Amino acid sequence: MDEARSVLRRLERIEALERGGGAPEAMLAELRALVAEAEAWVRVEPGPTEDAQDAIERLRRAVGDTGRTGRTLVA
């Protein structure tokens, strides 16, 4: 459950950055950390995790794409 709590805390930080107009670089760093924490959560979660793995892959692609297009990504 520590992994789940980490993901939830990270999402709260991302939401705070979004509300406060945080710098795109800070948002991108938080999103990258979110990907790593979500991956850790999926590794320890019992049962089927295909949906979670798919969501992680979409976020990973979006974060990677953000750097090339200059768009900011909001989770």
PDB file of N, CA and C in Angstrom:
ATOM      1  N   MET A   1       0.797  -1.198   0.000  1.00  0.00           N
ATOM      2  CA  MET A   1       0.000   0.000   0.000  1.00  0.00           C
ATOM      3  C   MET A   1       0.842   1.266   0.000  1.00  0.00           C
ATOM      4  N   ASP A   2       2.109   1.170   0.398  1.00  0.00           N
ATOM      5  CA  ASP A   2       2.967   2.352   0.358  1.00  0.00           C
ATOM      6  C   ASP A   2       3.093   2.885  -1.061  1.00  0.00           C
ATOM      7  N   GLU A   3       3.128   1.983  -2.025  1.00  0.00           N
ATOM      8  CA  GLU A   3       3.242   2.409  -3.420  1.00  0.00           C
ATOM      9  C   GLU A   3       2.015   3.194  -3.841  1.00  0.00           C
ATOM     10  N   ALA A   4       0.842   2.733  -3.449  1.00  0.00           N
ATOM     11  CA  ALA A   4      -0.400   3.439  -3.787  1.00  0.00           C
ATOM     12  C   ALA A   4      -0.422   4.820  -3.145  1.00  0.00           C
ATOM     13  N   ARG A   5      -0.004   4.899  -1.888  1.00  0.00           N
ATOM     14  CA  ARG A   5       0.035   6.202  -1.209  1.00  0.00           C
ATOM     15  C   ARG A   5       1.021   7.149  -1.893  1.00  0.00           C
ATOM     16  N   SER A   6       2.133   6.618  -2.353  1.00  0.00           N
ATOM     17  CA  SER A   6       3.113   7.453  -3.067  1.00  0.00           C
ATOM     18  C   SER A   6       2.510   8.037  -4.328  1.00  0.00           C
ATOM     19  N   VAL A   7       1.772   7.205  -5.063  1.00  0.00           N
ATOM     20  CA  VAL A   7       1.132   7.683  -6.299  1.00  0.00           C
ATOM     21  C   VAL A   7       0.107   8.760  -5.967  1.00  0.00           C
ATOM     22  N   LEU A   8      -0.683   8.544  -4.940  1.00  0.00           N
ATOM     23  CA  LEU A   8      -1.697   9.536  -4.576  1.00  0.00           C
ATOM     24  C   LEU A   8      -1.069  10.857  -4.136  1.00  0.00           C
ATOM     25  N   ARG A   9       0.008  10.782  -3.352  1.00  0.00           N
ATOM     26  CA  ARG A   9       0.700  12.023  -2.944  1.00  0.00           C
ATOM     27  C   ARG A   9       1.283  12.745  -4.162  1.00  0.00           C
ATOM     28  N   ARG A  10       1.838  11.982  -5.092  1.00  0.00           N
ATOM     29  CA  ARG A  10       2.402  12.583  -6.298  1.00  0.00           C
ATOM     30  C   ARG A  10       1.308  13.277  -7.100  1.00  0.00           C
ATOM     31  N   LEU A  11       0.148  12.640  -7.225  1.00  0.00           N
ATOM     32  CA  LEU A  11      -0.975  13.253  -7.949  1.00  0.00           C
ATOM     33  C   LEU A  11      -1.415  14.552  -7.275  1.00  0.00           C
ATOM     34  N   GLU A  12      -1.396  14.579  -5.948  1.00  0.00           N
ATOM     35  CA  GLU A  12      -1.740  15.814  -5.233  1.00  0.00           C
ATOM     36  C   GLU A  12      -0.741  16.919  -5.546  1.00  0.00           C
ATOM     37  N   ARG A  13       0.546  16.585  -5.597  1.00  0.00           N
ATOM     38  CA  ARG A  13       1.561  17.593  -5.932  1.00  0.00           C
ATOM     39  C   ARG A  13       1.357  18.106  -7.361  1.00  0.00           C
ATOM     40  N   ILE A  14       1.033  17.199  -8.271  1.00  0.00           N
ATOM     41  CA  ILE A  14       0.802  17.596  -9.662  1.00  0.00           C
ATOM     42  C   ILE A  14      -0.405  18.527  -9.741  1.00  0.00           C
ATOM     43  N   GLU A  15      -1.473  18.189  -9.031  1.00  0.00           N
ATOM     44  CA  GLU A  15      -2.651  19.053  -9.020  1.00  0.00           C
ATOM     45  C   GLU A  15      -2.329  20.423  -8.440  1.00  0.00           C
ATOM     46  N   ALA A  16      -1.520  20.471  -7.381  1.00  0.00           N
ATOM     47  CA  ALA A  16      -1.127  21.743  -6.784  1.00  0.00           C
ATOM     48  C   ALA A  16      -0.311  22.578  -7.776  1.00  0.00           C
ATOM     49  N   LEU A  17       0.599  21.930  -8.487  1.00  0.00           N
ATOM     50  CA  LEU A  17       1.373  22.645  -9.510  1.00  0.00           C
ATOM     51  C   LEU A  17       0.456  23.209 -10.585  1.00  0.00           C
ATOM     52  N   GLU A  18      -0.510  22.407 -10.995  1.00  0.00           N
ATOM     53  CA  GLU A  18      -1.447  22.844 -12.030  1.00  0.00           C
ATOM     54  C   GLU A  18      -2.256  24.053 -11.552  1.00  0.00           C
ATOM     55  N   ARG A  19      -2.774  23.980 -10.324  1.00  0.00           N
ATOM     56  CA  ARG A  19      -3.559  25.101  -9.776  1.00  0.00           C
ATOM     57  C   ARG A  19      -2.704  26.347  -9.616  1.00  0.00           C
ATOM     58  N   GLY A  20      -1.449  26.149  -9.223  1.00  0.00           N
ATOM     59  CA  GLY A  20      -0.567  27.284  -8.964  1.00  0.00           C
ATOM     60  C   GLY A  20       0.184  27.782 -10.175  1.00  0.00           C
ATOM     61  N   GLY A  21      -0.087  27.215 -11.337  1.00  0.00           N
ATOM     62  CA  GLY A  21       0.613  27.654 -12.539  1.00  0.00           C
ATOM     63  C   GLY A  21       2.088  27.312 -12.498  1.00  0.00           C
ATOM     64  N   GLY A  22       2.417  26.130 -12.006  1.00  0.00           N
ATOM     65  CA  GLY A  22       3.806  25.702 -11.891  1.00  0.00           C
ATOM     66  C   GLY A  22       4.528  25.679 -13.228  1.00  0.00           C
ATOM     67  N   ALA A  23       5.829  25.773 -13.144  1.00  0.00           N
ATOM     68  CA  ALA A  23       6.665  25.766 -14.345  1.00  0.00           C
ATOM     69  C   ALA A  23       6.530  24.434 -15.069  1.00  0.00           C
ATOM     70  N   PRO A  24       6.534  24.462 -16.398  1.00  0.00           N
ATOM     71  CA  PRO A  24       6.447  23.214 -17.161  1.00  0.00           C
ATOM     72  C   PRO A  24       7.532  22.210 -16.784  1.00  0.00           C
ATOM     73  N   GLU A  25       8.725  22.689 -16.476  1.00  0.00           N
ATOM     74  CA  GLU A  25       9.803  21.780 -16.101  1.00  0.00           C
ATOM     75  C   GLU A  25       9.479  21.047 -14.804  1.00  0.00           C
ATOM     76  N   ALA A  26       8.878  21.759 -13.854  1.00  0.00           N
ATOM     77  CA  ALA A  26       8.501  21.138 -12.580  1.00  0.00           C
ATOM     78  C   ALA A  26       7.398  20.110 -12.808  1.00  0.00           C
ATOM     79  N   MET A  27       6.433  20.449 -13.658  1.00  0.00           N
ATOM     80  CA  MET A  27       5.345  19.523 -13.962  1.00  0.00           C
ATOM     81  C   MET A  27       5.891  18.267 -14.631  1.00  0.00           C
ATOM     82  N   LEU A  28       6.792  18.441 -15.572  1.00  0.00           N
ATOM     83  CA  LEU A  28       7.361  17.297 -16.273  1.00  0.00           C
ATOM     84  C   LEU A  28       8.144  16.400 -15.310  1.00  0.00           C
ATOM     85  N   ALA A  29       8.886  16.995 -14.399  1.00  0.00           N
ATOM     86  CA  ALA A  29       9.625  16.209 -13.412  1.00  0.00           C
ATOM     87  C   ALA A  29       8.670  15.409 -12.529  1.00  0.00           C
ATOM     88  N   GLU A  30       7.572  16.033 -12.123  1.00  0.00           N
ATOM     89  CA  GLU A  30       6.584  15.325 -11.305  1.00  0.00           C
ATOM     90  C   GLU A  30       5.933  14.192 -12.095  1.00  0.00           C
ATOM     91  N   LEU A  31       5.640  14.416 -13.354  1.00  0.00           N
ATOM     92  CA  LEU A  31       5.029  13.368 -14.174  1.00  0.00           C
ATOM     93  C   LEU A  31       5.979  12.198 -14.388  1.00  0.00           C
ATOM     94  N   ARG A  32       7.240  12.496 -14.592  1.00  0.00           N
ATOM     95  CA  ARG A  32       8.215  11.413 -14.730  1.00  0.00           C
ATOM     96  C   ARG A  32       8.323  10.601 -13.446  1.00  0.00           C
ATOM     97  N   ALA A  33       8.311  11.286 -12.322  1.00  0.00           N
ATOM     98  CA  ALA A  33       8.352  10.582 -11.040  1.00  0.00           C
ATOM     99  C   ALA A  33       7.076   9.761 -10.845  1.00  0.00           C
ATOM    100  N   LEU A  34       5.954  10.283 -11.318  1.00  0.00           N
ATOM    101  CA  LEU A  34       4.695   9.552 -11.240  1.00  0.00           C
ATOM    102  C   LEU A  34       4.783   8.240 -12.009  1.00  0.00           C
ATOM    103  N   VAL A  35       5.374   8.267 -13.187  1.00  0.00           N
ATOM    104  CA  VAL A  35       5.533   7.047 -13.976  1.00  0.00           C
ATOM    105  C   VAL A  35       6.321   6.009 -13.175  1.00  0.00           C
ATOM    106  N   ALA A  36       7.428   6.415 -12.586  1.00  0.00           N
ATOM    107  CA  ALA A  36       8.261   5.488 -11.815  1.00  0.00           C
ATOM    108  C   ALA A  36       7.494   4.926 -10.619  1.00  0.00           C
ATOM    109  N   GLU A  37       6.747   5.774  -9.924  1.00  0.00           N
ATOM    110  CA  GLU A  37       5.989   5.305  -8.769  1.00  0.00           C
ATOM    111  C   GLU A  37       4.844   4.387  -9.193  1.00  0.00           C
ATOM    112  N   ALA A  38       4.204   4.687 -10.303  1.00  0.00           N
ATOM    113  CA  ALA A  38       3.128   3.827 -10.800  1.00  0.00           C
ATOM    114  C   ALA A  38       3.671   2.460 -11.208  1.00  0.00           C
ATOM    115  N   GLU A  39       4.845   2.449 -11.815  1.00  0.00           N
ATOM    116  CA  GLU A  39       5.476   1.174 -12.175  1.00  0.00           C
ATOM    117  C   GLU A  39       5.766   0.340 -10.931  1.00  0.00           C
ATOM    118  N   ALA A  40       6.254   0.980  -9.882  1.00  0.00           N
ATOM    119  CA  ALA A  40       6.531   0.269  -8.626  1.00  0.00           C
ATOM    120  C   ALA A  40       5.243  -0.291  -8.037  1.00  0.00           C
ATOM    121  N   TRP A  41       4.170   0.471  -8.128  1.00  0.00           N
ATOM    122  CA  TRP A  41       2.879   0.035  -7.606  1.00  0.00           C
ATOM    123  C   TRP A  41       2.389  -1.197  -8.369  1.00  0.00           C
ATOM    124  N   VAL A  42       2.484  -1.164  -9.688  1.00  0.00           N
ATOM    125  CA  VAL A  42       2.026  -2.285 -10.504  1.00  0.00           C
ATOM    126  C   VAL A  42       2.826  -3.548 -10.191  1.00  0.00           C
ATOM    127  N   ARG A  43       4.116  -3.394  -9.922  1.00  0.00           N
ATOM    128  CA  ARG A  43       4.954  -4.564  -9.631  1.00  0.00           C
ATOM    129  C   ARG A  43       4.515  -5.298  -8.372  1.00  0.00           C
ATOM    130  N   VAL A  44       3.956  -4.587  -7.393  1.00  0.00           N
ATOM    131  CA  VAL A  44       3.581  -5.228  -6.135  1.00  0.00           C
ATOM    132  C   VAL A  44       2.086  -5.516  -6.027  1.00  0.00           C
ATOM    133  N   GLU A  45       1.307  -5.007  -6.953  1.00  0.00           N
ATOM    134  CA  GLU A  45      -0.146  -5.172  -6.909  1.00  0.00           C
ATOM    135  C   GLU A  45      -0.531  -6.594  -7.300  1.00  0.00           C
ATOM    136  N   PRO A  46      -1.313  -7.266  -6.470  1.00  0.00           N
ATOM    137  CA  PRO A  46      -1.752  -8.611  -6.842  1.00  0.00           C
ATOM    138  C   PRO A  46      -2.845  -8.547  -7.910  1.00  0.00           C
ATOM    139  N   GLY A  47      -2.939  -9.595  -8.667  1.00  0.00           N
ATOM    140  CA  GLY A  47      -4.010  -9.691  -9.654  1.00  0.00           C
ATOM    141  C   GLY A  47      -3.644  -9.082 -10.985  1.00  0.00           C
ATOM    142  N   PRO A  48      -4.637  -9.050 -11.885  1.00  0.00           N
ATOM    143  CA  PRO A  48      -4.383  -8.526 -13.232  1.00  0.00           C
ATOM    144  C   PRO A  48      -4.049  -7.030 -13.194  1.00  0.00           C
ATOM    145  N   THR A  49      -3.030  -6.644 -13.946  1.00  0.00           N
ATOM    146  CA  THR A  49      -2.605  -5.240 -13.960  1.00  0.00           C
ATOM    147  C   THR A  49      -2.497  -4.690 -15.377  1.00  0.00           C
ATOM    148  N   GLU A  50      -3.145  -5.346 -16.328  1.00  0.00           N
ATOM    149  CA  GLU A  50      -3.021  -4.916 -17.721  1.00  0.00           C
ATOM    150  C   GLU A  50      -3.487  -3.470 -17.919  1.00  0.00           C
ATOM    151  N   ASP A  51      -4.611  -3.079 -17.292  1.00  0.00           N
ATOM    152  CA  ASP A  51      -5.100  -1.708 -17.436  1.00  0.00           C
ATOM    153  C   ASP A  51      -4.106  -0.702 -16.876  1.00  0.00           C
ATOM    154  N   ALA A  52      -3.539  -1.018 -15.720  1.00  0.00           N
ATOM    155  CA  ALA A  52      -2.562  -0.119 -15.113  1.00  0.00           C
ATOM    156  C   ALA A  52      -1.318  -0.023 -15.972  1.00  0.00           C
ATOM    157  N   GLN A  53      -0.859  -1.145 -16.489  1.00  0.00           N
ATOM    158  CA  GLN A  53       0.328  -1.122 -17.336  1.00  0.00           C
ATOM    159  C   GLN A  53       0.075  -0.317 -18.606  1.00  0.00           C
ATOM    160  N   ASP A  54      -1.120  -0.419 -19.150  1.00  0.00           N
ATOM    161  CA  ASP A  54      -1.477   0.358 -20.334  1.00  0.00           C
ATOM    162  C   ASP A  54      -1.474   1.852 -20.018  1.00  0.00           C
ATOM    163  N   ALA A  55      -2.028   2.218 -18.865  1.00  0.00           N
ATOM    164  CA  ALA A  55      -2.041   3.628 -18.468  1.00  0.00           C
ATOM    165  C   ALA A  55      -0.627   4.159 -18.269  1.00  0.00           C
ATOM    166  N   ILE A  56       0.234   3.360 -17.674  1.00  0.00           N
ATOM    167  CA  ILE A  56       1.624   3.770 -17.469  1.00  0.00           C
ATOM    168  C   ILE A  56       2.304   3.989 -18.819  1.00  0.00           C
ATOM    169  N   GLU A  57       2.080   3.098 -19.749  1.00  0.00           N
ATOM    170  CA  GLU A  57       2.702   3.238 -21.067  1.00  0.00           C
ATOM    171  C   GLU A  57       2.208   4.501 -21.780  1.00  0.00           C
ATOM    172  N   ARG A  58       0.924   4.792 -21.674  1.00  0.00           N
ATOM    173  CA  ARG A  58       0.391   6.022 -22.292  1.00  0.00           C
ATOM    174  C   ARG A  58       1.011   7.257 -21.653  1.00  0.00           C
ATOM    175  N   LEU A  59       1.148   7.248 -20.329  1.00  0.00           N
ATOM    176  CA  LEU A  59       1.764   8.386 -19.646  1.00  0.00           C
ATOM    177  C   LEU A  59       3.235   8.510 -20.029  1.00  0.00           C
ATOM    178  N   ARG A  60       3.934   7.377 -20.107  1.00  0.00           N
ATOM    179  CA  ARG A  60       5.342   7.403 -20.497  1.00  0.00           C
ATOM    180  C   ARG A  60       5.501   8.010 -21.886  1.00  0.00           C
ATOM    181  N   ARG A  61       4.656   7.601 -22.818  1.00  0.00           N
ATOM    182  CA  ARG A  61       4.720   8.155 -24.180  1.00  0.00           C
ATOM    183  C   ARG A  61       4.385   9.642 -24.179  1.00  0.00           C
ATOM    184  N   ALA A  62       3.393  10.030 -23.402  1.00  0.00           N
ATOM    185  CA  ALA A  62       2.997  11.439 -23.350  1.00  0.00           C
ATOM    186  C   ALA A  62       4.109  12.297 -22.767  1.00  0.00           C
ATOM    187  N   VAL A  63       4.745  11.828 -21.730  1.00  0.00           N
ATOM    188  CA  VAL A  63       5.852  12.581 -21.119  1.00  0.00           C
ATOM    189  C   VAL A  63       7.004  12.702 -22.106  1.00  0.00           C
ATOM    190  N   GLY A  64       7.316  11.631 -22.797  1.00  0.00           N
ATOM    191  CA  GLY A  64       8.374  11.684 -23.802  1.00  0.00           C
ATOM    192  C   GLY A  64       8.013  12.598 -24.946  1.00  0.00           C
ATOM    193  N   ASP A  65       6.759  12.589 -25.346  1.00  0.00           N
ATOM    194  CA  ASP A  65       6.290  13.432 -26.442  1.00  0.00           C
ATOM    195  C   ASP A  65       6.296  14.904 -26.052  1.00  0.00           C
ATOM    196  N   THR A  66       6.062  15.195 -24.774  1.00  0.00           N
ATOM    197  CA  THR A  66       6.028  16.579 -24.309  1.00  0.00           C
ATOM    198  C   THR A  66       7.336  17.291 -24.593  1.00  0.00           C
ATOM    199  N   GLY A  67       8.429  16.611 -24.391  1.00  0.00           N
ATOM    200  CA  GLY A  67       9.731  17.233 -24.614  1.00  0.00           C
ATOM    201  C   GLY A  67       9.965  17.604 -26.065  1.00  0.00           C
ATOM    202  N   ARG A  68       9.398  16.851 -26.970  1.00  0.00           N
ATOM    203  CA  ARG A  68       9.619  17.124 -28.399  1.00  0.00           C
ATOM    204  C   ARG A  68       8.681  18.192 -28.935  1.00  0.00           C
ATOM    205  N   THR A  69       7.457  18.252 -28.392  1.00  0.00           N
ATOM    206  CA  THR A  69       6.478  19.182 -28.965  1.00  0.00           C
ATOM    207  C   THR A  69       6.413  20.510 -28.233  1.00  0.00           C
ATOM    208  N   GLY A  70       6.935  20.552 -27.021  1.00  0.00           N
ATOM    209  CA  GLY A  70       6.874  21.788 -26.248  1.00  0.00           C
ATOM    210  C   GLY A  70       5.553  21.961 -25.518  1.00  0.00           C
ATOM    211  N   ARG A  71       4.619  21.004 -25.667  1.00  0.00           N
ATOM    212  CA  ARG A  71       3.343  21.086 -24.963  1.00  0.00           C
ATOM    213  C   ARG A  71       3.550  20.637 -23.535  1.00  0.00           C
ATOM    214  N   THR A  72       2.728  21.185 -22.625  1.00  0.00           N
ATOM    215  CA  THR A  72       2.753  20.700 -21.262  1.00  0.00           C
ATOM    216  C   THR A  72       1.674  19.649 -21.117  1.00  0.00           C
ATOM    217  N   LEU A  73       1.903  18.707 -20.241  1.00  0.00           N
ATOM    218  CA  LEU A  73       0.980  17.617 -20.017  1.00  0.00           C
ATOM    219  C   LEU A  73       0.386  17.781 -18.633  1.00  0.00           C
ATOM    220  N   VAL A  74      -0.910  17.721 -18.528  1.00  0.00           N
ATOM    221  CA  VAL A  74      -1.595  17.838 -17.246  1.00  0.00           C
ATOM    222  C   VAL A  74      -2.259  16.522 -16.955  1.00  0.00           C
ATOM    223  N   ALA A  75      -1.969  15.969 -15.792  1.00  0.00           N
ATOM    224  CA  ALA A  75      -2.561  14.678 -15.410  1.00  0.00           C
ATOM    225  C   ALA A  75      -3.834  14.890 -14.630  1.00  0.00           C
TER     226      ALA A  75
END
